[in-house]
Amino acid sequence: MNAANEVANAAFRNKQISFLQIEDIVISAVHTVAYQAVNTVQDLIDADRWGRDFAYQQIQGANQ
């Protein structure tokens, strides 16, 4: 969930979300993700993309 954290932190620094929303986004990602084994580099890339996409969606929802 490092990817979600990176996106949320960037959004905070860009004044798109509050500091406390960082934690909300990361916790929500942790509770939503479907856990699966990472056996290949592509699995890792896919997991990273999922975390980033999830965080972007949460930020967009927070700003509407």
Protein backbone atom coordinates (compact mmCIF):
# COMPACT_ATOMS: atom_id res chain seq x y z
CA MET A 1 0.00 0.00 0.00
CA ASN A 2 3.03 2.18 -0.33
CA ALA A 3 1.72 3.34 -3.71
CA ALA A 4 -1.54 4.58 -2.16
CA ASN A 5 0.46 6.34 0.55
CA GLU A 6 2.69 8.05 -2.03
CA VAL A 7 -0.32 9.31 -3.99
CA ALA A 8 -2.10 10.50 -0.85
CA ASN A 9 1.01 12.31 0.39
CA ALA A 10 1.43 14.05 -2.98
CA ALA A 11 -2.23 15.12 -2.87
CA PHE A 12 -1.71 16.56 0.63
CA ARG A 13 1.37 18.48 -0.47
CA ASN A 14 -0.65 19.84 -3.40
CA LYS A 15 -3.40 20.91 -0.97
CA GLN A 16 -5.94 18.53 -2.51
CA ILE A 17 -6.66 16.68 0.75
CA SER A 18 -6.09 17.26 4.45
CA PHE A 19 -3.30 15.63 6.41
CA LEU A 20 -5.71 13.30 8.20
CA GLN A 21 -7.17 12.12 4.88
CA ILE A 22 -3.82 10.47 4.07
CA GLU A 23 -4.47 7.87 6.75
CA ASP A 24 -8.10 7.44 5.68
CA ILE A 25 -7.07 6.69 2.10
CA VAL A 26 -4.33 4.23 3.05
CA ILE A 27 -6.51 2.39 5.57
CA SER A 28 -9.32 2.19 3.04
CA ALA A 29 -6.90 0.72 0.50
CA VAL A 30 -5.70 -1.88 3.00
CA HIS A 31 -9.27 -2.93 3.78
CA THR A 32 -10.31 -3.03 0.09
CA VAL A 33 -7.40 -4.75 -1.64
CA ALA A 34 -7.75 -8.40 -2.62
CA TYR A 35 -4.56 -9.96 -1.29
CA GLN A 36 -2.65 -12.27 -3.58
CA ALA A 37 0.84 -13.65 -3.82
CA VAL A 38 3.44 -11.61 -5.68
CA ASN A 39 5.37 -14.11 -7.78
CA THR A 40 6.55 -11.98 -10.68
CA VAL A 41 7.64 -8.44 -11.36
CA GLN A 42 4.38 -7.95 -13.27
CA ASP A 43 2.43 -8.93 -10.13
CA LEU A 44 4.29 -6.20 -8.26
CA ILE A 45 3.64 -3.64 -11.00
CA ASP A 46 -0.05 -4.57 -11.03
CA ALA A 47 -0.31 -4.22 -7.24
CA ASP A 48 1.40 -0.83 -7.38
CA ARG A 49 -0.95 0.34 -10.14
CA TRP A 50 -3.98 -0.85 -8.16
CA GLY A 51 -2.87 1.11 -5.07
CA ARG A 52 -2.25 4.28 -7.07
CA ASP A 53 -5.54 4.02 -8.97
CA PHE A 54 -7.44 3.39 -5.75
CA ALA A 55 -5.90 6.43 -4.06
CA TYR A 56 -6.58 8.66 -7.09
CA GLN A 57 -10.24 7.58 -7.03
CA GLN A 58 -10.50 8.31 -3.30
CA ILE A 59 -8.96 11.77 -3.77
CA GLN A 60 -11.32 12.59 -6.62
CA GLY A 61 -14.26 11.52 -4.46
CA ALA A 62 -13.04 13.69 -1.58
CA ASN A 63 -12.91 16.73 -3.85
CA GLN A 64 -16.43 16.43 -5.27
